[in-house]
N, C-alpha and C. Protein backbone atom coordinates (compact mmCIF):
# COMPACT_ATOMS: atom_id res chain seq x y z
N MET A 1 0.84 -1.21 -0.01
CA MET A 1 -0.04 0.02 0.02
C MET A 1 0.79 1.25 0.00
N ASP A 2 0.50 2.22 -0.85
CA ASP A 2 1.29 3.48 -0.90
C ASP A 2 0.72 4.47 0.24
N ILE A 3 1.67 5.40 0.71
CA ILE A 3 1.30 6.39 1.65
C ILE A 3 1.38 7.65 1.15
N ASN A 4 0.39 8.64 1.22
CA ASN A 4 0.43 9.92 0.80
C ASN A 4 0.11 10.93 1.92
N ASN A 5 1.00 11.18 2.80
CA ASN A 5 0.70 11.94 4.07
C ASN A 5 1.91 12.71 4.40
N CYS A 6 1.71 13.97 4.77
CA CYS A 6 2.78 14.88 5.07
C CYS A 6 2.48 15.68 6.35
N LEU A 7 3.44 16.07 7.12
CA LEU A 7 3.12 16.99 8.22
C LEU A 7 3.92 18.19 8.00
N PHE A 8 3.19 19.33 8.13
CA PHE A 8 3.73 20.69 8.03
C PHE A 8 3.47 21.64 9.24
N GLU A 9 4.47 22.56 9.53
CA GLU A 9 4.26 23.51 10.53
C GLU A 9 5.02 24.72 10.15
N GLY A 10 4.26 25.89 10.24
CA GLY A 10 4.96 27.13 9.81
C GLY A 10 3.99 28.25 10.04
N LEU A 11 4.28 29.44 9.29
CA LEU A 11 3.48 30.65 9.39
C LEU A 11 2.73 30.77 8.18
N ILE A 12 1.60 31.32 8.34
CA ILE A 12 0.69 31.65 7.08
C ILE A 12 1.15 32.87 6.45
N LYS A 13 1.36 32.75 5.08
CA LYS A 13 1.99 33.86 4.31
C LYS A 13 1.02 35.07 4.13
N ASP A 14 -0.16 34.77 3.91
CA ASP A 14 -1.15 35.92 3.53
C ASP A 14 -2.46 35.41 4.26
N ASP A 15 -3.46 36.28 4.40
CA ASP A 15 -4.78 35.99 4.97
C ASP A 15 -5.30 34.77 4.13
N PRO A 16 -5.98 33.76 4.76
CA PRO A 16 -6.50 32.62 3.95
C PRO A 16 -7.70 33.12 3.08
N GLU A 17 -7.93 32.52 1.88
CA GLU A 17 -8.87 32.93 0.97
C GLU A 17 -9.98 31.80 0.91
N MET A 18 -11.24 32.08 1.48
CA MET A 18 -12.22 31.19 1.42
C MET A 18 -13.23 31.37 0.27
N THR A 19 -13.69 30.38 -0.40
CA THR A 19 -14.57 30.45 -1.50
C THR A 19 -15.60 29.22 -1.24
N TYR A 20 -16.60 29.32 -2.04
CA TYR A 20 -17.61 28.13 -1.91
C TYR A 20 -17.59 27.56 -3.42
N THR A 21 -17.72 26.22 -3.40
CA THR A 21 -17.90 25.60 -4.73
C THR A 21 -19.38 25.77 -5.13
N GLN A 22 -19.68 25.34 -6.39
CA GLN A 22 -21.06 25.46 -6.89
C GLN A 22 -22.14 24.70 -6.10
N ASN A 23 -21.74 23.66 -5.38
CA ASN A 23 -22.61 22.89 -4.60
C ASN A 23 -22.62 23.40 -3.05
N GLY A 24 -21.82 24.51 -2.83
CA GLY A 24 -22.00 25.13 -1.51
C GLY A 24 -20.98 24.68 -0.54
N THR A 25 -19.96 23.85 -1.02
CA THR A 25 -18.83 23.42 -0.08
C THR A 25 -17.79 24.36 0.05
N ALA A 26 -17.54 24.63 1.43
CA ALA A 26 -16.38 25.78 1.78
C ALA A 26 -15.08 25.18 1.27
N ARG A 27 -14.20 26.21 0.84
CA ARG A 27 -12.86 25.77 0.39
C ARG A 27 -12.03 26.93 0.73
N THR A 28 -10.95 26.68 1.57
CA THR A 28 -10.03 27.73 1.89
C THR A 28 -8.63 27.44 1.44
N LYS A 29 -7.99 28.33 0.85
CA LYS A 29 -6.64 28.22 0.35
C LYS A 29 -5.75 29.16 1.20
N LEU A 30 -4.55 28.60 1.54
CA LEU A 30 -3.51 29.39 2.25
C LEU A 30 -2.16 28.89 1.80
N THR A 31 -1.17 29.70 2.07
CA THR A 31 0.18 29.31 1.87
C THR A 31 0.89 29.31 3.07
N LEU A 32 1.53 28.13 3.45
CA LEU A 32 2.20 27.96 4.71
C LEU A 32 3.80 28.10 4.36
N VAL A 33 4.41 28.97 5.10
CA VAL A 33 5.92 29.26 4.93
C VAL A 33 6.61 28.43 6.03
N ILE A 34 7.47 27.60 5.43
CA ILE A 34 8.42 26.71 6.43
C ILE A 34 9.73 27.26 6.29
N ASP A 35 10.25 27.77 7.44
CA ASP A 35 11.59 28.37 7.47
C ASP A 35 12.58 27.39 7.66
N GLU A 36 13.57 27.33 6.77
CA GLU A 36 14.55 26.30 6.75
C GLU A 36 15.98 27.02 6.94
N GLY A 37 15.95 28.06 7.65
CA GLY A 37 17.18 28.73 7.97
C GLY A 37 17.59 29.70 6.81
N LYS A 38 18.45 29.31 5.93
CA LYS A 38 18.88 30.19 4.87
C LYS A 38 17.83 30.43 3.78
N ARG A 39 16.85 29.59 3.78
CA ARG A 39 15.64 29.69 2.71
C ARG A 39 14.38 29.21 3.29
N SER A 40 13.32 29.56 2.55
CA SER A 40 11.96 29.17 3.07
C SER A 40 11.35 28.38 2.02
N GLN A 41 10.40 27.41 2.39
CA GLN A 41 9.58 26.76 1.37
C GLN A 41 8.19 27.25 1.48
N TRP A 42 7.43 27.48 0.43
CA TRP A 42 6.03 27.84 0.45
C TRP A 42 5.23 26.73 0.05
N ILE A 43 4.33 26.39 0.96
CA ILE A 43 3.47 25.13 0.75
C ILE A 43 2.08 25.53 0.55
N PRO A 44 1.49 25.27 -0.60
CA PRO A 44 0.06 25.61 -0.89
C PRO A 44 -0.90 24.63 -0.20
N ILE A 45 -1.63 24.99 0.65
CA ILE A 45 -2.55 24.12 1.51
C ILE A 45 -4.08 24.55 1.17
N VAL A 46 -4.87 23.42 0.86
CA VAL A 46 -6.34 23.67 0.71
C VAL A 46 -7.09 22.86 1.76
N LEU A 47 -8.03 23.61 2.42
CA LEU A 47 -8.87 23.06 3.49
C LEU A 47 -10.30 22.94 3.02
N TRP A 48 -11.04 22.03 3.45
CA TRP A 48 -12.50 21.81 3.01
C TRP A 48 -13.43 21.80 4.18
N ASP A 49 -14.71 22.14 3.92
CA ASP A 49 -15.87 22.07 4.84
C ASP A 49 -15.63 22.92 6.01
N GLU A 50 -15.99 22.27 7.15
CA GLU A 50 -15.91 22.98 8.50
C GLU A 50 -14.58 23.52 8.77
N VAL A 51 -13.59 22.77 8.41
CA VAL A 51 -12.19 23.17 8.66
C VAL A 51 -11.80 24.40 7.92
N ALA A 52 -12.33 24.51 6.73
CA ALA A 52 -12.05 25.58 5.81
C ALA A 52 -12.75 26.89 6.46
N GLU A 53 -13.88 26.77 6.98
CA GLU A 53 -14.68 27.86 7.39
C GLU A 53 -13.99 28.30 8.83
N GLU A 54 -13.59 27.48 9.57
CA GLU A 54 -12.85 27.70 10.83
C GLU A 54 -11.55 28.41 10.57
N ALA A 55 -10.74 27.93 9.61
CA ALA A 55 -9.45 28.58 9.33
C ALA A 55 -9.70 29.95 8.84
N ALA A 56 -10.65 30.20 7.92
CA ALA A 56 -10.89 31.55 7.35
C ALA A 56 -11.33 32.48 8.45
N GLU A 57 -12.07 31.97 9.32
CA GLU A 57 -12.59 32.85 10.37
C GLU A 57 -11.45 33.24 11.49
N HIS A 58 -10.59 32.17 11.82
CA HIS A 58 -9.72 32.49 12.96
C HIS A 58 -8.26 32.64 12.63
N LEU A 59 -7.81 32.54 11.37
CA LEU A 59 -6.40 32.59 10.99
C LEU A 59 -6.21 33.84 10.09
N SER A 60 -5.05 34.28 10.08
CA SER A 60 -4.61 35.52 9.24
C SER A 60 -3.06 35.41 9.05
N LYS A 61 -2.63 36.33 8.20
CA LYS A 61 -1.25 36.43 7.97
C LYS A 61 -0.43 36.45 9.18
N GLY A 62 0.55 35.56 9.22
CA GLY A 62 1.49 35.48 10.35
C GLY A 62 1.07 34.48 11.36
N SER A 63 -0.10 34.02 11.31
CA SER A 63 -0.58 32.94 12.38
C SER A 63 0.28 31.65 12.15
N ARG A 64 0.66 31.08 13.39
CA ARG A 64 1.36 29.73 13.32
C ARG A 64 0.46 28.66 13.26
N LEU A 65 0.69 27.71 12.35
CA LEU A 65 -0.25 26.58 12.06
C LEU A 65 0.55 25.23 11.88
N ARG A 66 -0.14 24.26 12.36
CA ARG A 66 0.41 22.87 12.13
C ARG A 66 -0.61 22.10 11.27
N VAL A 67 -0.18 21.55 10.23
CA VAL A 67 -1.16 20.66 9.42
C VAL A 67 -0.56 19.21 9.54
N PRO A 68 -1.22 18.41 10.58
CA PRO A 68 -0.75 17.13 10.74
C PRO A 68 -0.94 15.96 9.75
N GLU A 69 -1.89 16.21 8.87
CA GLU A 69 -2.16 15.17 7.86
C GLU A 69 -2.60 15.80 6.54
N ALA A 70 -1.56 16.19 5.75
CA ALA A 70 -1.74 16.82 4.54
C ALA A 70 -1.47 15.57 3.33
N ARG A 71 -2.34 15.61 2.26
CA ARG A 71 -2.15 14.80 1.14
C ARG A 71 -1.78 15.63 -0.04
N PHE A 72 -0.83 15.15 -0.76
CA PHE A 72 -0.47 15.83 -2.02
C PHE A 72 -1.41 15.58 -3.07
N THR A 73 -1.92 16.57 -3.78
CA THR A 73 -2.81 16.44 -4.86
C THR A 73 -2.38 17.26 -6.13
N SER A 74 -2.57 16.80 -7.24
CA SER A 74 -2.23 17.45 -8.49
C SER A 74 -3.52 17.26 -9.46
N TRP A 75 -3.81 18.32 -10.11
CA TRP A 75 -4.79 18.27 -11.21
C TRP A 75 -4.58 19.31 -12.32
N SER A 76 -5.24 19.44 -13.38
CA SER A 76 -5.09 20.38 -14.31
C SER A 76 -6.45 20.68 -14.86
N PHE A 77 -6.54 21.87 -15.50
CA PHE A 77 -7.70 22.33 -16.25
C PHE A 77 -7.27 23.34 -17.30
N ASP A 78 -8.16 23.57 -18.25
CA ASP A 78 -8.03 24.56 -19.31
C ASP A 78 -8.53 25.86 -18.86
N ASP A 79 -7.51 26.80 -18.95
CA ASP A 79 -7.79 28.27 -18.63
C ASP A 79 -8.82 28.83 -19.63
N GLN A 80 -9.91 29.23 -19.23
CA GLN A 80 -10.98 29.72 -20.21
C GLN A 80 -10.51 31.07 -20.82
N LYS A 81 -9.63 31.87 -20.26
CA LYS A 81 -9.23 33.16 -20.85
C LYS A 81 -8.11 32.87 -21.92
N THR A 82 -7.12 32.14 -21.53
CA THR A 82 -6.02 31.89 -22.44
C THR A 82 -6.11 30.60 -23.26
N GLY A 83 -6.93 29.62 -22.92
CA GLY A 83 -6.95 28.35 -23.46
C GLY A 83 -5.91 27.38 -23.26
N GLU A 84 -4.99 27.83 -22.32
CA GLU A 84 -3.75 26.99 -22.08
C GLU A 84 -4.15 26.07 -20.85
N LYS A 85 -3.56 24.92 -20.69
CA LYS A 85 -3.70 23.95 -19.64
C LYS A 85 -2.86 24.46 -18.49
N VAL A 86 -3.62 24.57 -17.26
CA VAL A 86 -2.99 25.02 -16.10
C VAL A 86 -2.72 23.65 -15.12
N HIS A 87 -1.58 23.61 -14.59
CA HIS A 87 -1.33 22.37 -13.69
C HIS A 87 -1.25 22.79 -12.29
N VAL A 88 -2.02 22.28 -11.37
CA VAL A 88 -2.10 22.70 -9.99
C VAL A 88 -1.55 21.64 -9.08
N LYS A 89 -0.60 22.00 -8.26
CA LYS A 89 -0.11 21.03 -7.26
C LYS A 89 -0.26 21.68 -5.93
N GLU A 90 -0.97 20.93 -5.00
CA GLU A 90 -1.21 21.47 -3.72
C GLU A 90 -1.32 20.35 -2.77
N PHE A 91 -1.47 20.74 -1.39
CA PHE A 91 -1.79 19.69 -0.43
C PHE A 91 -3.16 20.04 0.23
N THR A 92 -3.87 18.98 0.44
CA THR A 92 -5.23 19.11 0.99
C THR A 92 -5.23 18.47 2.47
N SER A 93 -6.04 18.96 3.25
CA SER A 93 -6.11 18.44 4.56
C SER A 93 -7.51 18.60 5.21
N ASP A 94 -7.92 17.77 6.07
CA ASP A 94 -9.19 17.81 6.85
C ASP A 94 -8.86 18.21 8.34
N ARG A 95 -7.50 18.45 8.66
CA ARG A 95 -7.28 18.70 10.01
C ARG A 95 -6.16 19.71 10.12
N ILE A 96 -6.34 20.65 11.12
CA ILE A 96 -5.29 21.62 11.31
C ILE A 96 -5.20 21.80 12.86
N GLU A 97 -4.14 22.27 13.38
CA GLU A 97 -3.94 22.63 14.73
C GLU A 97 -3.29 24.06 14.85
N TYR A 98 -3.98 24.89 15.60
CA TYR A 98 -3.52 26.18 15.84
C TYR A 98 -2.36 26.19 16.84
N GLN A 99 -1.37 26.94 16.48
CA GLN A 99 -0.11 26.88 17.40
C GLN A 99 -0.15 28.25 18.10
N GLY A 100 -0.16 28.24 19.51
CA GLY A 100 -0.20 29.43 20.25
C GLY A 100 0.98 29.41 21.27
N LYS A 101 1.03 30.40 22.14
CA LYS A 101 2.14 30.47 23.17
C LYS A 101 1.95 29.38 24.17
N GLU A 102 2.99 28.51 24.28
CA GLU A 102 3.10 27.43 25.36
C GLU A 102 1.76 26.47 25.38
N ASN A 103 1.17 26.42 24.20
CA ASN A 103 -0.11 25.57 24.07
C ASN A 103 -1.13 25.89 25.13
N ASN A 104 -1.22 27.13 25.54
CA ASN A 104 -2.27 27.52 26.55
C ASN A 104 -3.51 28.02 26.01
N GLY A 105 -3.75 27.86 24.65
CA GLY A 105 -4.90 28.32 24.05
C GLY A 105 -4.78 29.81 23.48
N ASP A 106 -3.68 30.33 23.67
CA ASP A 106 -3.53 31.76 23.17
C ASP A 106 -3.06 31.54 21.79
N HIS A 107 -3.86 31.88 20.85
CA HIS A 107 -3.52 31.75 19.50
C HIS A 107 -2.97 33.07 18.85
N SER A 108 -1.95 33.56 19.58
CA SER A 108 -1.31 34.98 19.19
C SER A 108 -0.62 34.72 17.85
N LYS A 109 -0.38 35.90 17.19
CA LYS A 109 0.28 35.94 15.83
C LYS A 109 1.63 36.36 16.05
N VAL A 110 2.48 36.04 14.97
CA VAL A 110 3.78 36.51 14.92
C VAL A 110 3.63 37.88 14.19
N ASP A 111 4.61 38.77 14.55
CA ASP A 111 4.52 40.18 13.82
C ASP A 111 4.62 39.99 12.34
N PRO A 112 3.61 40.40 11.58
CA PRO A 112 3.62 40.27 10.10
C PRO A 112 4.79 41.08 9.47
N ASP A 113 5.24 42.17 10.16
CA ASP A 113 6.33 42.86 9.57
C ASP A 113 7.68 42.24 9.80
N ASN A 114 7.72 41.10 10.57
CA ASN A 114 8.93 40.42 10.83
C ASN A 114 8.99 38.92 10.15
N LEU A 115 8.28 38.78 8.98
CA LEU A 115 8.17 37.54 8.36
C LEU A 115 9.33 37.42 7.35
N PRO A 116 9.77 36.24 6.98
CA PRO A 116 10.84 36.12 6.06
C PRO A 116 10.49 36.24 4.66
N PHE A 117 9.50 36.85 4.30
CA PHE A 117 9.03 37.06 2.89
C PHE A 117 8.45 38.51 2.70
């Protein structure tokens, strides 16, 4: 059996963007920045349903977030404006964990002016 599961923890690059699909399902996109010392990795994360709504309501740029179970997904579509095929690579998750000071429920943010991007 193959395994498609990743764990990420980092800071949110920009405010999460929530939209709804045609059938009314909440979808929130965000970018998680993983600081690796001399460079940073930007990880696109997509959340669905109640987790998507919760993230859009409670998270913002600079929030620290842990995504304990992310799955890599890739798909493509034809851009209606340009007619070109667009390839999308992202991670999806049904679970997130807010990271606060000393795990005491304080979901404080990192100063957005002091981010590595």
